[in-house]
């Protein structure tokens, strides 16, 4: 294939990450398709109205994926453990890789997570297993491994409106993270530099503010959340926040910014200033 693909199929485009990537690629001039289970859903139709072609398929349906992949130059593949667990995420990855082989796909970009394979977090481990399968395959591949998303904090919007930011990470612990729009721009940058990224794994972060600094960006006060209270809700999230509170991602921000100068790399404070509270 040519250095830069023209048609990109995005899996998970009705979700936050996939939607952001699909829209960024569309803005960058790519022909973008979105794999969806329900073409008539409100989220799918919103994508269609923006000029993204809808393709019906399911992450566990190999024939549907093979058909969808045959119409794209490259695929940005997102898997999820949050519907039926990490085991199903691994099955999704296996199906995607098999279908890519069936379709003769020229480039598979897998959306993993920073620190996959070294952090004792269930959904980091499952993504790490998919990465291993991908590396053992005969496909042309690249792993895109983002850190925490700025947008995760929006789940605390009711508290932020009360000038509080509850977080289960210590106030002074830097938290590597990235804006979804910058992730999308980063994927566009990778697509434009295919040969450089084949067989490569790229971890992504645009900033590393502490939770105290994150709260201050909203004019709020940091509020500690105990890890045990997180555990009562989810063992997976407990493991993730335990990792982030201790070791953390450890991404070299300067190196990421230097390698991809075409990305704006919005700081958390800049991003927060644009949030409608």
C-alpha atoms as a PDB file:
ATOM      1  CA  UNK A   1       0.000   0.000   0.000  1.00  0.00           C
ATOM      2  CA  UNK A   2       1.021   3.658  -0.270  1.00  0.00           C
ATOM      3  CA  UNK A   3       2.761   5.422   2.620  1.00  0.00           C
ATOM      4  CA  UNK A   4      -0.509   7.064   3.694  1.00  0.00           C
ATOM      5  CA  UNK A   5      -3.796   5.088   3.671  1.00  0.00           C
ATOM      6  CA  UNK A   6      -6.936   6.785   2.411  1.00  0.00           C
ATOM      7  CA  UNK A   7      -9.829   4.831   3.943  1.00  0.00           C
ATOM      8  CA  UNK A   8      -9.848   4.154   7.693  1.00  0.00           C
ATOM      9  CA  UNK A   9     -12.345   1.955   9.522  1.00  0.00           C
ATOM     10  CA  UNK A  10     -12.756   2.829  13.207  1.00  0.00           C
ATOM     11  CA  UNK A  11     -14.096   0.256  15.643  1.00  0.00           C
ATOM     12  CA  UNK A  12     -15.919   1.579  18.699  1.00  0.00           C
ATOM     13  CA  UNK A  13     -16.697   4.872  16.966  1.00  0.00           C
ATOM     14  CA  UNK A  14     -19.957   5.328  18.901  1.00  0.00           C
ATOM     15  CA  UNK A  15     -17.884   5.496  22.108  1.00  0.00           C
ATOM     16  CA  UNK A  16     -15.828   8.404  23.414  1.00  0.00           C
ATOM     17  CA  UNK A  17     -12.366   7.327  22.231  1.00  0.00           C
ATOM     18  CA  UNK A  18     -13.487   5.896  18.902  1.00  0.00           C
ATOM     19  CA  UNK A  19     -15.740   8.846  18.196  1.00  0.00           C
ATOM     20  CA  UNK A  20     -12.950  11.332  18.877  1.00  0.00           C
ATOM     21  CA  UNK A  21     -10.545   9.428  16.630  1.00  0.00           C
ATOM     22  CA  UNK A  22     -13.096   9.067  13.825  1.00  0.00           C
ATOM     23  CA  UNK A  23     -13.909  12.778  13.873  1.00  0.00           C
ATOM     24  CA  UNK A  24     -10.236  13.782  13.971  1.00  0.00           C
ATOM     25  CA  UNK A  25      -9.452  11.562  10.992  1.00  0.00           C
ATOM     26  CA  UNK A  26     -12.420  12.969   9.088  1.00  0.00           C
ATOM     27  CA  UNK A  27     -11.158  16.500   9.784  1.00  0.00           C
ATOM     28  CA  UNK A  28      -7.706  15.445   8.575  1.00  0.00           C
ATOM     29  CA  UNK A  29      -9.158  14.495   5.190  1.00  0.00           C
ATOM     30  CA  UNK A  30      -9.423  10.714   5.478  1.00  0.00           C
ATOM     31  CA  UNK A  31     -12.373   8.698   4.263  1.00  0.00           C
ATOM     32  CA  UNK A  32     -13.712   7.345   7.553  1.00  0.00           C
ATOM     33  CA  UNK A  33     -15.955   4.369   8.184  1.00  0.00           C
ATOM     34  CA  UNK A  34     -17.391   3.318  11.530  1.00  0.00           C
ATOM     35  CA  UNK A  35     -18.191  -0.245  12.528  1.00  0.00           C
ATOM     36  CA  UNK A  36     -21.483  -0.261  14.446  1.00  0.00           C
ATOM     37  CA  UNK A  37     -23.810  -2.947  15.754  1.00  0.00           C
ATOM     38  CA  UNK A  38     -26.923  -0.824  15.277  1.00  0.00           C
ATOM     39  CA  UNK A  39     -26.838   1.502  12.293  1.00  0.00           C
ATOM     40  CA  UNK A  40     -30.084   3.132  13.390  1.00  0.00           C
ATOM     41  CA  UNK A  41     -28.916   4.140  16.872  1.00  0.00           C
ATOM     42  CA  UNK A  42     -28.741   7.827  17.732  1.00  0.00           C
ATOM     43  CA  UNK A  43     -24.953   7.733  18.120  1.00  0.00           C
ATOM     44  CA  UNK A  44     -24.469   5.924  14.818  1.00  0.00           C
ATOM     45  CA  UNK A  45     -26.740   8.345  13.002  1.00  0.00           C
ATOM     46  CA  UNK A  46     -24.854  11.294  14.496  1.00  0.00           C
ATOM     47  CA  UNK A  47     -21.676   9.906  12.914  1.00  0.00           C
ATOM     48  CA  UNK A  48     -23.434   9.422   9.592  1.00  0.00           C
ATOM     49  CA  UNK A  49     -24.675  13.017   9.596  1.00  0.00           C
ATOM     50  CA  UNK A  50     -21.075  14.169   9.977  1.00  0.00           C
ATOM     51  CA  UNK A  51     -20.013  12.276   6.862  1.00  0.00           C
ATOM     52  CA  UNK A  52     -18.790   9.000   8.368  1.00  0.00           C
ATOM     53  CA  UNK A  53     -19.916   5.856   6.556  1.00  0.00           C
ATOM     54  CA  UNK A  54     -21.600   3.260   8.748  1.00  0.00           C
ATOM     55  CA  UNK A  55     -20.624  -0.397   8.377  1.00  0.00           C
ATOM     56  CA  UNK A  56     -22.576  -3.055  10.247  1.00  0.00           C
ATOM     57  CA  UNK A  57     -20.569  -5.555  12.287  1.00  0.00           C
ATOM     58  CA  UNK A  58     -19.806  -7.042  15.684  1.00  0.00           C
ATOM     59  CA  UNK A  59     -16.449  -7.487  17.434  1.00  0.00           C
ATOM     60  CA  UNK A  60     -17.153 -11.174  18.052  1.00  0.00           C
ATOM     61  CA  UNK A  61     -18.525 -11.903  14.568  1.00  0.00           C
ATOM     62  CA  UNK A  62     -15.538 -12.838  12.413  1.00  0.00           C
ATOM     63  CA  UNK A  63     -17.379 -12.911   9.046  1.00  0.00           C
ATOM     64  CA  UNK A  64     -18.859  -9.441   9.610  1.00  0.00           C
ATOM     65  CA  UNK A  65     -15.430  -8.060  10.540  1.00  0.00           C
ATOM     66  CA  UNK A  66     -13.792  -9.723   7.541  1.00  0.00           C
ATOM     67  CA  UNK A  67     -16.347  -8.091   5.250  1.00  0.00           C
ATOM     68  CA  UNK A  68     -15.911  -4.691   6.920  1.00  0.00           C
ATOM     69  CA  UNK A  69     -12.105  -4.864   6.874  1.00  0.00           C
ATOM     70  CA  UNK A  70     -12.036  -5.690   3.166  1.00  0.00           C
ATOM     71  CA  UNK A  71     -13.282  -2.185   2.385  1.00  0.00           C
ATOM     72  CA  UNK A  72     -10.599  -0.268   4.311  1.00  0.00           C
ATOM     73  CA  UNK A  73      -6.908   0.509   3.883  1.00  0.00           C
ATOM     74  CA  UNK A  74      -6.370   0.524   7.659  1.00  0.00           C
ATOM     75  CA  UNK A  75      -8.360  -0.216  10.810  1.00  0.00           C
ATOM     76  CA  UNK A  76      -8.219   1.520  14.191  1.00  0.00           C
ATOM     77  CA  UNK A  77      -9.392  -1.246  16.520  1.00  0.00           C
ATOM     78  CA  UNK A  78     -10.810  -0.585  19.977  1.00  0.00           C
ATOM     79  CA  UNK A  79     -11.764  -3.462  22.252  1.00  0.00           C
ATOM     80  CA  UNK A  80     -13.610  -3.170  25.543  1.00  0.00           C
ATOM     81  CA  UNK A  81     -13.699  -5.130  28.815  1.00  0.00           C
ATOM     82  CA  UNK A  82     -16.399  -2.954  30.324  1.00  0.00           C
ATOM     83  CA  UNK A  83     -19.441  -4.795  28.988  1.00  0.00           C
ATOM     84  CA  UNK A  84     -18.608  -8.425  29.783  1.00  0.00           C
ATOM     85  CA  UNK A  85     -15.132  -8.469  31.314  1.00  0.00           C
ATOM     86  CA  UNK A  86     -11.476  -8.819  30.362  1.00  0.00           C
ATOM     87  CA  UNK A  87     -11.942 -12.340  29.000  1.00  0.00           C
ATOM     88  CA  UNK A  88     -14.355 -11.111  26.374  1.00  0.00           C
ATOM     89  CA  UNK A  89     -11.973  -8.299  25.476  1.00  0.00           C
ATOM     90  CA  UNK A  90      -9.331 -10.907  24.659  1.00  0.00           C
ATOM     91  CA  UNK A  91     -11.851 -12.772  22.492  1.00  0.00           C
ATOM     92  CA  UNK A  92     -12.637  -9.530  20.686  1.00  0.00           C
ATOM     93  CA  UNK A  93      -8.924  -9.071  20.006  1.00  0.00           C
ATOM     94  CA  UNK A  94      -8.563 -12.637  18.751  1.00  0.00           C
ATOM     95  CA  UNK A  95     -11.529 -12.171  16.400  1.00  0.00           C
ATOM     96  CA  UNK A  96     -10.229  -8.845  15.080  1.00  0.00           C
ATOM     97  CA  UNK A  97      -6.783 -10.296  14.344  1.00  0.00           C
ATOM     98  CA  UNK A  98      -8.252 -13.369  12.648  1.00  0.00           C
ATOM     99  CA  UNK A  99     -10.611 -11.267  10.528  1.00  0.00           C
ATOM    100  CA  UNK A 100      -7.789  -8.910   9.552  1.00  0.00           C
ATOM    101  CA  UNK A 101      -5.865 -11.916   8.276  1.00  0.00           C
ATOM    102  CA  UNK A 102      -8.900 -13.234   6.397  1.00  0.00           C
ATOM    103  CA  UNK A 103      -9.442  -9.851   4.742  1.00  0.00           C
ATOM    104  CA  UNK A 104      -5.801  -9.304   3.840  1.00  0.00           C
ATOM    105  CA  UNK A 105      -5.878  -6.036   5.798  1.00  0.00           C
ATOM    106  CA  UNK A 106      -2.838  -3.914   5.046  1.00  0.00           C
ATOM    107  CA  UNK A 107      -2.529  -2.198   8.453  1.00  0.00           C
ATOM    108  CA  UNK A 108      -4.112  -2.791  11.856  1.00  0.00           C
ATOM    109  CA  UNK A 109      -3.732  -0.116  14.514  1.00  0.00           C
ATOM    110  CA  UNK A 110      -4.693  -1.523  17.911  1.00  0.00           C
ATOM    111  CA  UNK A 111      -5.867   0.812  20.672  1.00  0.00           C
ATOM    112  CA  UNK A 112      -4.273  -0.511  23.833  1.00  0.00           C
ATOM    113  CA  UNK A 113      -3.340   1.352  27.027  1.00  0.00           C
ATOM    114  CA  UNK A 114      -0.085   2.724  28.380  1.00  0.00           C
ATOM    115  CA  UNK A 115       1.611   0.226  30.721  1.00  0.00           C
ATOM    116  CA  UNK A 116      -0.320  -2.739  29.324  1.00  0.00           C
ATOM    117  CA  UNK A 117       1.561  -5.905  30.177  1.00  0.00           C
ATOM    118  CA  UNK A 118       3.350  -4.477  33.227  1.00  0.00           C
ATOM    119  CA  UNK A 119       0.535  -3.129  35.393  1.00  0.00           C
ATOM    120  CA  UNK A 120      -1.532  -5.593  37.496  1.00  0.00           C
ATOM    121  CA  UNK A 121      -4.830  -4.201  36.224  1.00  0.00           C
ATOM    122  CA  UNK A 122      -7.312  -6.614  34.584  1.00  0.00           C
ATOM    123  CA  UNK A 123      -8.087  -4.496  31.520  1.00  0.00           C
ATOM    124  CA  UNK A 124      -4.409  -3.591  31.100  1.00  0.00           C
ATOM    125  CA  UNK A 125      -3.559  -7.307  31.191  1.00  0.00           C
ATOM    126  CA  UNK A 126      -6.224  -8.233  28.639  1.00  0.00           C
ATOM    127  CA  UNK A 127      -5.013  -5.540  26.253  1.00  0.00           C
ATOM    128  CA  UNK A 128      -1.456  -6.778  26.797  1.00  0.00           C
ATOM    129  CA  UNK A 129      -2.526 -10.273  25.782  1.00  0.00           C
ATOM    130  CA  UNK A 130      -4.070  -8.910  22.583  1.00  0.00           C
ATOM    131  CA  UNK A 131      -0.813  -7.069  21.878  1.00  0.00           C
ATOM    132  CA  UNK A 132       1.072 -10.364  22.209  1.00  0.00           C
ATOM    133  CA  UNK A 133      -1.274 -12.051  19.735  1.00  0.00           C
ATOM    134  CA  UNK A 134      -0.832  -9.172  17.333  1.00  0.00           C
ATOM    135  CA  UNK A 135       2.961  -9.292  17.574  1.00  0.00           C
ATOM    136  CA  UNK A 136       2.883 -13.042  16.855  1.00  0.00           C
ATOM    137  CA  UNK A 137       0.680 -12.569  13.779  1.00  0.00           C
ATOM    138  CA  UNK A 138       1.778 -11.900  10.220  1.00  0.00           C
ATOM    139  CA  UNK A 139      -0.163  -8.630  10.068  1.00  0.00           C
ATOM    140  CA  UNK A 140       1.285  -5.166   9.580  1.00  0.00           C
ATOM    141  CA  UNK A 141       0.461  -3.543  12.917  1.00  0.00           C
ATOM    142  CA  UNK A 142       0.979  -0.603  15.233  1.00  0.00           C
ATOM    143  CA  UNK A 143      -0.087  -0.302  18.874  1.00  0.00           C
ATOM    144  CA  UNK A 144      -1.464   3.055  20.044  1.00  0.00           C
ATOM    145  CA  UNK A 145      -1.343   3.122  23.850  1.00  0.00           C
ATOM    146  CA  UNK A 146      -2.932   6.224  25.411  1.00  0.00           C
ATOM    147  CA  UNK A 147      -2.807   7.032  29.100  1.00  0.00           C
ATOM    148  CA  UNK A 148      -5.668   8.457  31.198  1.00  0.00           C
ATOM    149  CA  UNK A 149      -8.071  10.771  29.337  1.00  0.00           C
ATOM    150  CA  UNK A 150      -8.748  14.346  30.432  1.00  0.00           C
ATOM    151  CA  UNK A 151     -12.407  13.609  29.704  1.00  0.00           C
ATOM    152  CA  UNK A 152     -12.537  10.996  32.484  1.00  0.00           C
ATOM    153  CA  UNK A 153     -12.901  13.847  34.951  1.00  0.00           C
ATOM    154  CA  UNK A 154     -16.231  14.843  33.397  1.00  0.00           C
ATOM    155  CA  UNK A 155     -17.832  11.991  35.329  1.00  0.00           C
ATOM    156  CA  UNK A 156     -17.310  14.173  38.390  1.00  0.00           C
ATOM    157  CA  UNK A 157     -19.052  17.197  36.897  1.00  0.00           C
ATOM    158  CA  UNK A 158     -21.722  17.471  39.645  1.00  0.00           C
ATOM    159  CA  UNK A 159     -18.936  17.723  42.239  1.00  0.00           C
ATOM    160  CA  UNK A 160     -16.917  20.128  40.076  1.00  0.00           C
ATOM    161  CA  UNK A 161     -19.939  22.421  39.921  1.00  0.00           C
ATOM    162  CA  UNK A 162     -19.746  22.431  43.724  1.00  0.00           C
ATOM    163  CA  UNK A 163     -16.037  23.322  43.428  1.00  0.00           C
ATOM    164  CA  UNK A 164     -14.837  19.867  44.502  1.00  0.00           C
ATOM    165  CA  UNK A 165     -12.783  17.338  42.538  1.00  0.00           C
ATOM    166  CA  UNK A 166     -12.908  13.875  44.144  1.00  0.00           C
ATOM    167  CA  UNK A 167     -10.106  11.574  42.969  1.00  0.00           C
ATOM    168  CA  UNK A 168      -8.575   8.294  44.113  1.00  0.00           C
ATOM    169  CA  UNK A 169      -5.047   9.468  43.273  1.00  0.00           C
ATOM    170  CA  UNK A 170      -2.952  11.394  45.847  1.00  0.00           C
ATOM    171  CA  UNK A 171      -3.103  15.180  45.530  1.00  0.00           C
ATOM    172  CA  UNK A 172       0.596  15.495  44.660  1.00  0.00           C
ATOM    173  CA  UNK A 173       0.971  12.482  42.329  1.00  0.00           C
ATOM    174  CA  UNK A 174       1.463  13.449  38.650  1.00  0.00           C
ATOM    175  CA  UNK A 175      -1.092  11.697  36.447  1.00  0.00           C
ATOM    176  CA  UNK A 176      -0.131  11.245  32.797  1.00  0.00           C
ATOM    177  CA  UNK A 177      -3.115  11.898  30.570  1.00  0.00           C
ATOM    178  CA  UNK A 178      -4.216  13.170  27.179  1.00  0.00           C
ATOM    179  CA  UNK A 179      -7.119  15.024  25.563  1.00  0.00           C
ATOM    180  CA  UNK A 180      -9.216  12.861  23.265  1.00  0.00           C
ATOM    181  CA  UNK A 181      -8.838  15.413  20.467  1.00  0.00           C
ATOM    182  CA  UNK A 182      -5.057  15.170  20.775  1.00  0.00           C
ATOM    183  CA  UNK A 183      -5.269  11.384  20.659  1.00  0.00           C
ATOM    184  CA  UNK A 184      -7.195  11.694  17.404  1.00  0.00           C
ATOM    185  CA  UNK A 185      -4.567  14.060  15.992  1.00  0.00           C
ATOM    186  CA  UNK A 186      -1.879  11.645  17.123  1.00  0.00           C
ATOM    187  CA  UNK A 187      -3.528   8.760  15.236  1.00  0.00           C
ATOM    188  CA  UNK A 188      -3.656  10.966  12.128  1.00  0.00           C
ATOM    189  CA  UNK A 189       0.065  11.679  12.554  1.00  0.00           C
ATOM    190  CA  UNK A 190       0.846   7.967  12.824  1.00  0.00           C
ATOM    191  CA  UNK A 191      -1.222   7.185   9.721  1.00  0.00           C
ATOM    192  CA  UNK A 192       0.776   9.749   7.756  1.00  0.00           C
ATOM    193  CA  UNK A 193       4.056   8.061   8.767  1.00  0.00           C
ATOM    194  CA  UNK A 194       3.317   4.382   8.165  1.00  0.00           C
ATOM    195  CA  UNK A 195       6.784   2.923   7.653  1.00  0.00           C
ATOM    196  CA  UNK A 196       8.094   4.593  10.812  1.00  0.00           C
ATOM    197  CA  UNK A 197       5.391   2.968  12.925  1.00  0.00           C
ATOM    198  CA  UNK A 198       5.072  -0.564  11.565  1.00  0.00           C
ATOM    199  CA  UNK A 199       5.661  -3.070  14.357  1.00  0.00           C
ATOM    200  CA  UNK A 200       5.938  -0.232  16.876  1.00  0.00           C
ATOM    201  CA  UNK A 201       4.181   0.516  20.167  1.00  0.00           C
ATOM    202  CA  UNK A 202       3.588   4.179  21.034  1.00  0.00           C
ATOM    203  CA  UNK A 203       2.533   5.362  24.507  1.00  0.00           C
ATOM    204  CA  UNK A 204       0.735   8.696  24.582  1.00  0.00           C
ATOM    205  CA  UNK A 205       0.312  11.510  27.094  1.00  0.00           C
ATOM    206  CA  UNK A 206       0.010  15.255  26.607  1.00  0.00           C
ATOM    207  CA  UNK A 207       0.367  16.447  30.198  1.00  0.00           C
ATOM    208  CA  UNK A 208       0.917  15.138  33.721  1.00  0.00           C
ATOM    209  CA  UNK A 209      -0.838  17.416  36.225  1.00  0.00           C
ATOM    210  CA  UNK A 210      -1.333  16.375  39.819  1.00  0.00           C
ATOM    211  CA  UNK A 211      -4.932  15.983  41.019  1.00  0.00           C
ATOM    212  CA  UNK A 212      -4.439  19.160  43.062  1.00  0.00           C
ATOM    213  CA  UNK A 213      -3.459  21.004  39.873  1.00  0.00           C
ATOM    214  CA  UNK A 214      -6.409  19.454  38.043  1.00  0.00           C
ATOM    215  CA  UNK A 215      -8.775  20.738  40.728  1.00  0.00           C
ATOM    216  CA  UNK A 216      -7.216  24.194  40.618  1.00  0.00           C
ATOM    217  CA  UNK A 217      -7.766  24.321  36.838  1.00  0.00           C
ATOM    218  CA  UNK A 218     -11.497  24.183  37.589  1.00  0.00           C
ATOM    219  CA  UNK A 219     -11.286  26.579  40.521  1.00  0.00           C
ATOM    220  CA  UNK A 220     -12.085  23.633  42.770  1.00  0.00           C
ATOM    221  CA  UNK A 221     -10.528  21.877  45.752  1.00  0.00           C
ATOM    222  CA  UNK A 222      -9.044  18.403  45.629  1.00  0.00           C
ATOM    223  CA  UNK A 223     -11.025  15.805  47.588  1.00  0.00           C
ATOM    224  CA  UNK A 224      -9.388  12.481  48.428  1.00  0.00           C
ATOM    225  CA  UNK A 225     -11.294   9.306  47.555  1.00  0.00           C
ATOM    226  CA  UNK A 226     -10.211   6.132  49.353  1.00  0.00           C
ATOM    227  CA  UNK A 227      -9.101   3.191  47.266  1.00  0.00           C
ATOM    228  CA  UNK A 228     -11.328   0.927  49.358  1.00  0.00           C
ATOM    229  CA  UNK A 229     -14.394   2.899  48.327  1.00  0.00           C
ATOM    230  CA  UNK A 230     -13.341   2.392  44.698  1.00  0.00           C
ATOM    231  CA  UNK A 231     -12.890  -1.320  45.367  1.00  0.00           C
ATOM    232  CA  UNK A 232     -16.483  -1.525  46.589  1.00  0.00           C
ATOM    233  CA  UNK A 233     -17.554  -0.429  43.095  1.00  0.00           C
ATOM    234  CA  UNK A 234     -15.041  -2.268  40.902  1.00  0.00           C
ATOM    235  CA  UNK A 235     -12.002  -4.493  41.459  1.00  0.00           C
ATOM    236  CA  UNK A 236     -10.706  -3.442  38.048  1.00  0.00           C
ATOM    237  CA  UNK A 237     -10.870   0.268  38.856  1.00  0.00           C
ATOM    238  CA  UNK A 238      -9.383  -0.409  42.286  1.00  0.00           C
ATOM    239  CA  UNK A 239      -6.401  -2.078  40.632  1.00  0.00           C
ATOM    240  CA  UNK A 240      -6.049   0.779  38.131  1.00  0.00           C
ATOM    241  CA  UNK A 241      -6.164   3.574  40.686  1.00  0.00           C
ATOM    242  CA  UNK A 242      -3.807   1.647  42.974  1.00  0.00           C
ATOM    243  CA  UNK A 243      -1.326   1.490  40.075  1.00  0.00           C
ATOM    244  CA  UNK A 244      -1.788   5.158  39.190  1.00  0.00           C
ATOM    245  CA  UNK A 245      -1.381   6.173  42.838  1.00  0.00           C
ATOM    246  CA  UNK A 246       1.899   4.286  43.160  1.00  0.00           C
ATOM    247  CA  UNK A 247       3.970   3.568  40.045  1.00  0.00           C
ATOM    248  CA  UNK A 248       1.994   5.398  37.384  1.00  0.00           C
ATOM    249  CA  UNK A 249       2.507   5.375  33.610  1.00  0.00           C
ATOM    250  CA  UNK A 250       5.975   6.942  33.557  1.00  0.00           C
ATOM    251  CA  UNK A 251       5.695   8.393  30.029  1.00  0.00           C
ATOM    252  CA  UNK A 252       8.398  10.745  28.705  1.00  0.00           C
ATOM    253  CA  UNK A 253       6.274  13.776  27.803  1.00  0.00           C
ATOM    254  CA  UNK A 254       9.118  15.689  26.175  1.00  0.00           C
ATOM    255  CA  UNK A 255       9.913  12.762  23.894  1.00  0.00           C
ATOM    256  CA  UNK A 256       6.280  12.371  22.816  1.00  0.00           C
ATOM    257  CA  UNK A 257       5.935  16.073  22.053  1.00  0.00           C
ATOM    258  CA  UNK A 258       9.215  16.139  20.127  1.00  0.00           C
ATOM    259  CA  UNK A 259       8.293  13.120  18.012  1.00  0.00           C
ATOM    260  CA  UNK A 260       4.844  14.475  17.078  1.00  0.00           C
ATOM    261  CA  UNK A 261       5.144  18.272  16.720  1.00  0.00           C
ATOM    262  CA  UNK A 262       2.098  18.303  14.410  1.00  0.00           C
ATOM    263  CA  UNK A 263      -0.155  17.607  17.438  1.00  0.00           C
ATOM    264  CA  UNK A 264      -1.227  20.655  19.475  1.00  0.00           C
ATOM    265  CA  UNK A 265      -0.762  18.832  22.818  1.00  0.00           C
ATOM    266  CA  UNK A 266      -3.303  20.749  24.833  1.00  0.00           C
ATOM    267  CA  UNK A 267      -2.416  21.105  28.507  1.00  0.00           C
ATOM    268  CA  UNK A 268      -4.958  19.980  31.083  1.00  0.00           C
ATOM    269  CA  UNK A 269      -5.420  23.575  32.254  1.00  0.00           C
ATOM    270  CA  UNK A 270      -6.115  24.741  28.696  1.00  0.00           C
ATOM    271  CA  UNK A 271      -8.591  21.922  28.190  1.00  0.00           C
ATOM    272  CA  UNK A 272     -10.332  22.586  31.517  1.00  0.00           C
ATOM    273  CA  UNK A 273     -10.726  26.277  30.665  1.00  0.00           C
ATOM    274  CA  UNK A 274     -12.920  25.252  27.727  1.00  0.00           C
ATOM    275  CA  UNK A 275     -15.226  22.972  29.710  1.00  0.00           C
ATOM    276  CA  UNK A 276     -18.701  24.397  30.232  1.00  0.00           C
ATOM    277  CA  UNK A 277     -19.285  24.000  33.962  1.00  0.00           C
END
